[in-house]
C-alpha cells in the first residue's frame, strides 16, 4: 500500500537490502523437510538427496517473483535454485553452486528465463560446470507473447511457462529420464506454451515506491514480471473484455482449434485477491468453451509474481495424454503439492 505522504510503499521490512535474503531464510525455516537455505553460497537446495544417477534441475532469477523459484525446489521439480537480488540476475557463482548441489550423476538441466543477465550468467556457469565434469544442458523459456508488437522489449520474456517447465521436466527427471529426455521434455513445454500479462498497478521494490507510472484508471496491457511496459497502456475495462483479448492472442499464437485441450494458469502478480483470480478463470473458461477448447488441468493463484503488483497473467499449454502422466506425477514443494 502506497503512503501518499512519502511516495513510498508501506511494507513489512527490517533493512530493505536484506529483504530477499531474510525471506529465503524464512522459507527454509518454514519447510525444513523440503529445502535448505545455504546462506554462504546463497542458494536453496533440496533437503533430501536425489536418487543416484538422476538428472537435477536448476533454475533461478531475480527475487520478487515468489514462489518462483525457491518455492518449487523439492520432489518432482527443482533440485536447487539460485535466487538473485530483487529483480536482478543471480551471479555465475550462485548458479555454479546450485549446479553442484543438483548434480547426482545424471547431469543437470538449467531452466533459464529469457532475460539478458540470466542468459549470460547461466551460460558462464554451465561452461564452468562442464569444466568440472558435470554434464549440463539448458532450456530457454520465452513464453511471453504479449510483447509481440511492443516497442519496450527486444524479445519474448520468460514468465508463467517457467512453472510448467519445472513441473514436466522435473517429473521426467524424478522418473529416471536421461538428461536428453529431460531436456527434450522442457523444450516441448516451451513450444507448447504462451503467456499474456495485464497490470492494474505497479510493483514496488523493498523500501521504494512504484516503478511503473499508471494513472488511477490506467492499466498496462502486456506487462512484464519486472514492471516492464508491454504492448500499450489502456483504460480499465470489464474483466471479461480483458480476458477476451488475452485469450484471442494466446489461442491464435498456439493455433488452438475446436477439440484442443490445454492446461490453463491464471497467475496472480502479487496483490490481486483470489476472488478476482477465480473471476478471471471463470471468464477464461467461458472464452475457451465458446471456442470448444477444453481445460484439462488448471492452476489459479500466485505462482510467478511481481512483488506487490495488482494484475494477472494467463498461460496456456497444449495438453495430451502423454503430457498428462508427467503433469499428474507426484510433486512435493513449498508451493506445489499433489500425488503424495
Protein backbone atom coordinates (compact mmCIF):
# COMPACT_ATOMS: atom_id res chain seq x y z
CA UNK A 1 0.00 0.00 0.00
CA UNK A 2 1.40 3.37 -1.03
CA UNK A 3 1.93 6.06 1.59
CA UNK A 4 0.75 9.17 -0.29
CA UNK A 5 2.68 11.48 2.02
CA UNK A 6 6.09 9.93 1.33
CA UNK A 7 5.58 8.35 -2.10
CA UNK A 8 6.88 5.06 -0.68
CA UNK A 9 5.00 1.80 -0.22
CA UNK A 10 4.22 0.51 3.25
CA UNK A 11 5.94 -2.85 3.67
CA UNK A 12 6.97 -5.30 6.41
CA UNK A 13 10.75 -4.84 6.35
CA UNK A 14 13.84 -4.63 8.50
CA UNK A 15 16.67 -3.43 6.27
CA UNK A 16 15.32 -3.27 2.67
CA UNK A 17 18.68 -4.51 1.38
CA UNK A 18 18.24 -7.75 3.35
CA UNK A 19 14.61 -8.42 2.46
CA UNK A 20 15.22 -11.13 -0.14
CA UNK A 21 17.80 -12.98 1.99
CA UNK A 22 15.60 -12.87 5.08
CA UNK A 23 12.67 -14.14 3.03
CA UNK A 24 14.70 -17.10 1.74
CA UNK A 25 15.83 -17.94 5.26
CA UNK A 26 12.21 -17.82 6.38
CA UNK A 27 11.13 -20.11 3.54
CA UNK A 28 13.69 -22.73 4.57
CA UNK A 29 12.70 -22.49 8.24
CA UNK A 30 9.02 -22.89 7.32
CA UNK A 31 9.55 -26.14 5.34
CA UNK A 32 12.78 -27.68 6.72
CA UNK A 33 11.76 -31.11 5.46
CA UNK A 34 11.79 -29.79 1.88
CA UNK A 35 14.57 -27.24 1.43
CA UNK A 36 17.83 -25.94 2.85
CA UNK A 37 18.98 -22.33 2.56
CA UNK A 38 22.73 -22.23 2.04
CA UNK A 39 23.49 -18.68 3.16
CA UNK A 40 27.16 -18.87 2.18
CA UNK A 41 26.50 -19.95 -1.42
CA UNK A 42 23.16 -18.09 -1.46
CA UNK A 43 21.23 -20.99 -2.98
CA UNK A 44 18.23 -23.08 -2.00
CA UNK A 45 18.56 -26.86 -2.40
CA UNK A 46 16.53 -29.95 -1.69
CA UNK A 47 16.67 -31.17 1.89
CA UNK A 48 16.57 -34.80 0.78
CA UNK A 49 19.10 -36.32 -1.59
CA UNK A 50 18.08 -37.18 -5.13
CA UNK A 51 18.48 -40.74 -6.28
CA UNK A 52 21.94 -41.54 -7.62
CA UNK A 53 22.17 -41.06 -11.37
CA UNK A 54 19.15 -38.77 -11.53
CA UNK A 55 19.09 -35.55 -13.54
CA UNK A 56 18.96 -32.42 -11.38
CA UNK A 57 17.00 -29.32 -12.39
CA UNK A 58 18.36 -25.87 -11.57
CA UNK A 59 16.55 -22.60 -12.16
CA UNK A 60 16.89 -19.09 -10.83
CA UNK A 61 16.47 -15.42 -11.40
CA UNK A 62 15.72 -12.27 -9.51
CA UNK A 63 13.85 -12.38 -6.22
CA UNK A 64 10.46 -10.72 -6.04
CA UNK A 65 8.63 -13.39 -8.06
CA UNK A 66 7.83 -15.70 -5.15
CA UNK A 67 7.12 -18.57 -5.01
CA UNK A 68 9.27 -18.72 -8.18
CA UNK A 69 11.95 -20.11 -7.97
CA UNK A 70 12.79 -21.38 -4.48
CA UNK A 71 9.20 -22.38 -3.76
CA UNK A 72 9.46 -25.03 -6.47
CA UNK A 73 12.50 -26.81 -5.03
CA UNK A 74 11.60 -30.32 -3.94
CA UNK A 75 10.46 -33.73 -5.07
CA UNK A 76 9.30 -33.72 -8.68
CA UNK A 77 10.57 -30.25 -9.54
CA UNK A 78 13.83 -28.39 -8.91
CA UNK A 79 16.89 -29.80 -7.17
CA UNK A 80 18.24 -26.31 -6.45
CA UNK A 81 17.51 -22.66 -7.14
CA UNK A 82 19.80 -19.64 -7.47
CA UNK A 83 17.92 -16.51 -6.32
CA UNK A 84 19.35 -13.12 -7.23
CA UNK A 85 18.59 -9.83 -5.55
CA UNK A 86 15.19 -8.28 -6.22
CA UNK A 87 14.64 -8.19 -10.00
CA UNK A 88 18.36 -8.96 -10.54
CA UNK A 89 20.00 -12.00 -12.08
CA UNK A 90 21.81 -14.48 -9.83
CA UNK A 91 25.58 -14.46 -10.13
CA UNK A 92 27.57 -17.06 -12.04
CA UNK A 93 28.97 -18.29 -8.70
CA UNK A 94 25.46 -18.83 -7.31
CA UNK A 95 24.36 -20.76 -10.39
CA UNK A 96 27.51 -22.87 -10.32
CA UNK A 97 26.95 -23.67 -6.63
CA UNK A 98 23.34 -24.66 -7.39
CA UNK A 99 24.55 -26.84 -10.26
CA UNK A 100 27.00 -28.65 -8.00
CA UNK A 101 24.26 -29.16 -5.42
CA UNK A 102 21.91 -30.57 -8.08
CA UNK A 103 24.45 -32.93 -9.60
CA UNK A 104 23.70 -36.57 -8.74
CA UNK A 105 25.49 -38.21 -11.64
CA UNK A 106 22.87 -37.90 -14.36
CA UNK A 107 23.65 -34.36 -15.45
CA UNK A 108 21.93 -31.05 -14.74
CA UNK A 109 19.32 -29.10 -16.71
CA UNK A 110 19.40 -25.31 -16.43
CA UNK A 111 15.96 -23.71 -16.83
CA UNK A 112 16.68 -20.14 -17.94
CA UNK A 113 14.18 -17.32 -18.41
CA UNK A 114 14.85 -15.08 -21.39
CA UNK A 115 16.47 -12.08 -19.72
CA UNK A 116 19.94 -10.89 -20.72
CA UNK A 117 21.59 -11.25 -17.31
CA UNK A 118 20.08 -14.67 -16.66
CA UNK A 119 21.13 -15.96 -20.08
CA UNK A 120 24.72 -14.74 -19.74
CA UNK A 121 25.27 -15.90 -16.16
CA UNK A 122 23.72 -19.31 -16.71
CA UNK A 123 25.88 -19.74 -19.82
CA UNK A 124 29.06 -18.92 -17.90
CA UNK A 125 28.05 -21.22 -15.03
CA UNK A 126 27.33 -24.07 -17.46
CA UNK A 127 30.77 -23.69 -19.01
CA UNK A 128 32.40 -23.75 -15.57
CA UNK A 129 30.36 -26.81 -14.52
CA UNK A 130 31.31 -28.70 -17.67
CA UNK A 131 34.96 -27.93 -16.93
CA UNK A 132 34.41 -29.70 -13.59
CA UNK A 133 32.97 -32.74 -15.36
CA UNK A 134 29.25 -32.02 -14.84
CA UNK A 135 27.10 -32.61 -17.93
CA UNK A 136 24.86 -29.55 -18.34
CA UNK A 137 22.04 -28.83 -20.80
CA UNK A 138 19.95 -25.65 -20.93
CA UNK A 139 16.45 -24.67 -21.98
CA UNK A 140 15.39 -21.07 -22.65
CA UNK A 141 11.87 -20.11 -21.57
CA UNK A 142 10.41 -17.32 -23.74
CA UNK A 143 6.65 -17.77 -23.50
CA UNK A 144 5.52 -14.14 -23.14
CA UNK A 145 3.74 -13.47 -26.44
CA UNK A 146 2.24 -10.27 -25.05
CA UNK A 147 5.40 -8.44 -26.14
CA UNK A 148 4.86 -9.17 -29.83
CA UNK A 149 4.41 -5.75 -31.39
CA UNK A 150 5.79 -3.93 -28.35
CA UNK A 151 8.41 -1.19 -28.56
CA UNK A 152 9.57 -1.84 -24.98
CA UNK A 153 11.40 -5.17 -25.35
CA UNK A 154 13.80 -6.91 -27.69
CA UNK A 155 12.33 -10.39 -27.28
CA UNK A 156 9.84 -12.63 -25.56
CA UNK A 157 10.33 -12.83 -21.82
CA UNK A 158 10.19 -15.94 -19.65
CA UNK A 159 7.11 -15.90 -17.43
CA UNK A 160 4.36 -18.35 -16.42
CA UNK A 161 5.53 -21.27 -18.57
CA UNK A 162 8.61 -21.48 -16.34
CA UNK A 163 6.37 -23.21 -13.79
CA UNK A 164 5.20 -25.69 -16.44
CA UNK A 165 8.80 -26.49 -17.43
CA UNK A 166 9.72 -27.09 -13.80
CA UNK A 167 6.76 -29.45 -13.35
CA UNK A 168 7.01 -31.52 -16.53
CA UNK A 169 10.80 -31.73 -16.82
CA UNK A 170 11.03 -32.32 -13.07
CA UNK A 171 8.65 -35.28 -13.33
CA UNK A 172 10.67 -36.80 -16.18
CA UNK A 173 13.85 -36.39 -14.11
CA UNK A 174 12.23 -37.88 -10.99
CA UNK A 175 11.18 -40.92 -13.04
CA UNK A 176 14.79 -41.54 -14.05
CA UNK A 177 14.82 -39.96 -17.51
CA UNK A 178 18.17 -39.18 -19.10
CA UNK A 179 19.44 -35.63 -19.48
CA UNK A 180 18.46 -35.85 -23.16
CA UNK A 181 14.93 -36.94 -22.17
CA UNK A 182 14.56 -34.18 -19.57
CA UNK A 183 15.87 -31.52 -21.95
CA UNK A 184 13.53 -32.67 -24.73
CA UNK A 185 10.55 -32.53 -22.35
CA UNK A 186 11.48 -29.00 -21.27
CA UNK A 187 11.83 -27.78 -24.86
CA UNK A 188 8.49 -29.36 -25.71
CA UNK A 189 6.78 -27.48 -22.88
CA UNK A 190 8.20 -24.15 -24.05
CA UNK A 191 6.97 -24.85 -27.58
CA UNK A 192 3.51 -25.75 -26.27
CA UNK A 193 3.08 -22.65 -24.08
CA UNK A 194 2.18 -18.98 -24.35
CA UNK A 195 1.56 -16.25 -21.75
CA UNK A 196 -0.02 -12.80 -21.57
CA UNK A 197 0.04 -10.38 -18.59
CA UNK A 198 -2.05 -7.37 -17.54
CA UNK A 199 -1.16 -4.98 -14.70
CA UNK A 200 -3.58 -2.82 -12.74
CA UNK A 201 -0.85 -1.24 -10.60
CA UNK A 202 2.93 -1.14 -10.40
CA UNK A 203 5.16 -3.22 -8.19
CA UNK A 204 7.30 -1.58 -5.52
CA UNK A 205 10.78 -2.92 -4.62
CA UNK A 206 11.62 -3.14 -0.91
CA UNK A 207 11.98 0.32 0.60
CA UNK A 208 10.90 2.09 -2.60
CA UNK A 209 7.84 3.37 -4.36
CA UNK A 210 6.11 2.19 -7.53
CA UNK A 211 8.37 1.70 -10.58
CA UNK A 212 5.67 1.83 -13.25
CA UNK A 213 3.68 5.05 -13.56
CA UNK A 214 0.00 4.27 -14.08
CA UNK A 215 -2.88 6.69 -13.66
CA UNK A 216 -5.93 5.96 -11.45
CA UNK A 217 -7.87 4.32 -14.30
CA UNK A 218 -4.86 3.21 -16.37
CA UNK A 219 -3.63 -0.37 -16.85
CA UNK A 220 -0.71 -1.91 -18.73
CA UNK A 221 -1.54 -4.48 -21.40
CA UNK A 222 1.28 -6.98 -21.87
CA UNK A 223 3.20 -6.09 -18.72
CA UNK A 224 6.39 -7.93 -17.76
CA UNK A 225 7.10 -9.50 -14.38
CA UNK A 226 9.60 -6.74 -13.55
CA UNK A 227 7.10 -3.99 -14.31
CA UNK A 228 8.28 -3.63 -17.93
CA UNK A 229 5.97 -1.82 -20.29
CA UNK A 230 4.03 -4.07 -22.64
CA UNK A 231 2.01 -3.51 -25.79
CA UNK A 232 0.25 -0.40 -24.61
CA UNK A 233 -1.26 1.46 -21.69
CA UNK A 234 -5.04 1.46 -21.70
CA UNK A 235 -8.08 2.28 -19.62
CA UNK A 236 -9.54 -0.21 -17.18
CA UNK A 237 -12.31 -2.23 -18.81
CA UNK A 238 -14.55 -5.07 -17.60
CA UNK A 239 -12.58 -8.20 -16.78
CA UNK A 240 -14.38 -10.22 -19.45
CA UNK A 241 -13.16 -7.80 -22.14
CA UNK A 242 -9.55 -8.05 -20.95
CA UNK A 243 -9.70 -11.84 -20.76
CA UNK A 244 -11.19 -11.98 -24.26
CA UNK A 245 -8.24 -10.01 -25.64
CA UNK A 246 -5.70 -12.21 -23.86
CA UNK A 247 -7.45 -15.42 -24.88
CA UNK A 248 -7.64 -14.41 -28.53
CA UNK A 249 -3.89 -13.73 -28.61
CA UNK A 250 -2.98 -16.95 -26.81
CA UNK A 251 -5.31 -19.15 -28.86
CA UNK A 252 -4.09 -17.64 -32.11
CA UNK A 253 -0.43 -17.98 -31.19
CA UNK A 254 -0.80 -21.64 -30.19
CA UNK A 255 -3.00 -22.47 -33.18
CA UNK A 256 -5.73 -23.93 -30.97
CA UNK A 257 -8.99 -25.05 -32.54
CA UNK A 258 -12.17 -26.88 -31.57
CA UNK A 259 -11.27 -30.04 -29.68
CA UNK A 260 -7.93 -28.78 -28.38
CA UNK A 261 -7.08 -29.45 -24.73
CA UNK A 262 -4.97 -27.14 -22.57
CA UNK A 263 -3.52 -26.58 -19.14
CA UNK A 264 -4.63 -23.11 -18.04
CA UNK A 265 -2.80 -20.98 -15.49
CA UNK A 266 -4.41 -17.83 -14.11
CA UNK A 267 -1.50 -16.36 -12.20
CA UNK A 268 -1.71 -13.51 -9.72
CA UNK A 269 1.07 -10.96 -9.96
CA UNK A 270 1.22 -10.40 -6.20
CA UNK A 271 -1.60 -8.20 -4.94
CA UNK A 272 -4.68 -9.49 -6.74
CA UNK A 273 -7.07 -11.29 -4.37
CA UNK A 274 -8.18 -14.83 -5.10
CA UNK A 275 -11.74 -13.63 -5.56
CA UNK A 276 -10.61 -11.72 -8.64
CA UNK A 277 -8.37 -14.52 -9.90
CA UNK A 278 -11.24 -17.01 -9.79
CA UNK A 279 -13.41 -14.44 -11.56
CA UNK A 280 -10.75 -14.22 -14.28
CA UNK A 281 -10.60 -18.01 -14.54
CA UNK A 282 -14.37 -18.10 -14.95
CA UNK A 283 -14.12 -15.61 -17.82
CA UNK A 284 -11.25 -17.57 -19.37
CA UNK A 285 -13.21 -20.82 -19.14
CA UNK A 286 -16.12 -19.09 -20.88
CA UNK A 287 -13.85 -17.83 -23.67
CA UNK A 288 -12.28 -21.22 -24.27
CA UNK A 289 -15.61 -23.04 -24.02
CA UNK A 290 -17.04 -20.73 -26.68
CA UNK A 291 -14.22 -21.92 -28.95
CA UNK A 292 -14.81 -25.55 -27.84
CA UNK A 293 -11.35 -25.73 -26.28
CA UNK A 294 -11.19 -27.89 -23.16
CA UNK A 295 -9.32 -27.10 -19.95
CA UNK A 296 -7.81 -30.45 -18.94
CA UNK A 297 -5.89 -29.11 -15.93
CA UNK A 298 -5.69 -25.69 -14.28
CA UNK A 299 -3.91 -23.65 -11.64
CA UNK A 300 -5.26 -20.46 -10.09
CA UNK A 301 -3.16 -18.44 -7.66
CA UNK A 302 0.14 -16.67 -7.08
CA UNK A 303 2.95 -18.63 -8.75
CA UNK A 304 5.08 -16.15 -10.74
CA UNK A 305 4.60 -12.76 -9.11
CA UNK A 306 5.95 -9.25 -9.33
CA UNK A 307 6.21 -8.26 -5.67
CA UNK A 308 3.02 -6.35 -4.84
CA UNK A 309 1.75 -5.72 -8.37
CA UNK A 310 -2.02 -5.94 -8.80
CA UNK A 311 -2.61 -7.81 -12.01
CA UNK A 312 -2.68 -11.24 -13.56
CA UNK A 313 -1.11 -13.29 -16.29
CA UNK A 314 -2.63 -16.08 -18.34
CA UNK A 315 -0.65 -19.08 -19.58
CA UNK A 316 -1.98 -21.84 -21.83
CA UNK A 317 -0.14 -25.06 -22.65
CA UNK A 318 -1.44 -27.59 -25.17
CA UNK A 319 -2.21 -30.88 -23.47
CA UNK A 320 -2.36 -34.56 -24.46
CA UNK A 321 -2.32 -37.99 -22.85
CA UNK A 322 1.47 -38.25 -22.92
CA UNK A 323 1.85 -34.95 -21.08
CA UNK A 324 -0.83 -35.98 -18.58
CA UNK A 325 1.39 -38.62 -16.97
CA UNK A 326 4.05 -36.02 -16.20
CA UNK A 327 1.62 -33.32 -15.08
CA UNK A 328 -0.16 -35.73 -12.73
CA UNK A 329 3.06 -37.23 -11.34
CA UNK A 330 3.65 -36.60 -7.62
CA UNK A 331 5.17 -33.26 -6.65
CA UNK A 332 6.09 -32.03 -3.19
CA UNK A 333 7.41 -28.48 -2.89
CA UNK A 334 6.54 -25.48 -0.76
CA UNK A 335 4.31 -24.01 -3.47
CA UNK A 336 3.02 -27.02 -5.43
CA UNK A 337 1.96 -30.36 -3.95
CA UNK A 338 -0.11 -33.27 -5.14
CA UNK A 339 0.00 -37.05 -5.51
CA UNK A 340 1.68 -37.78 -2.16
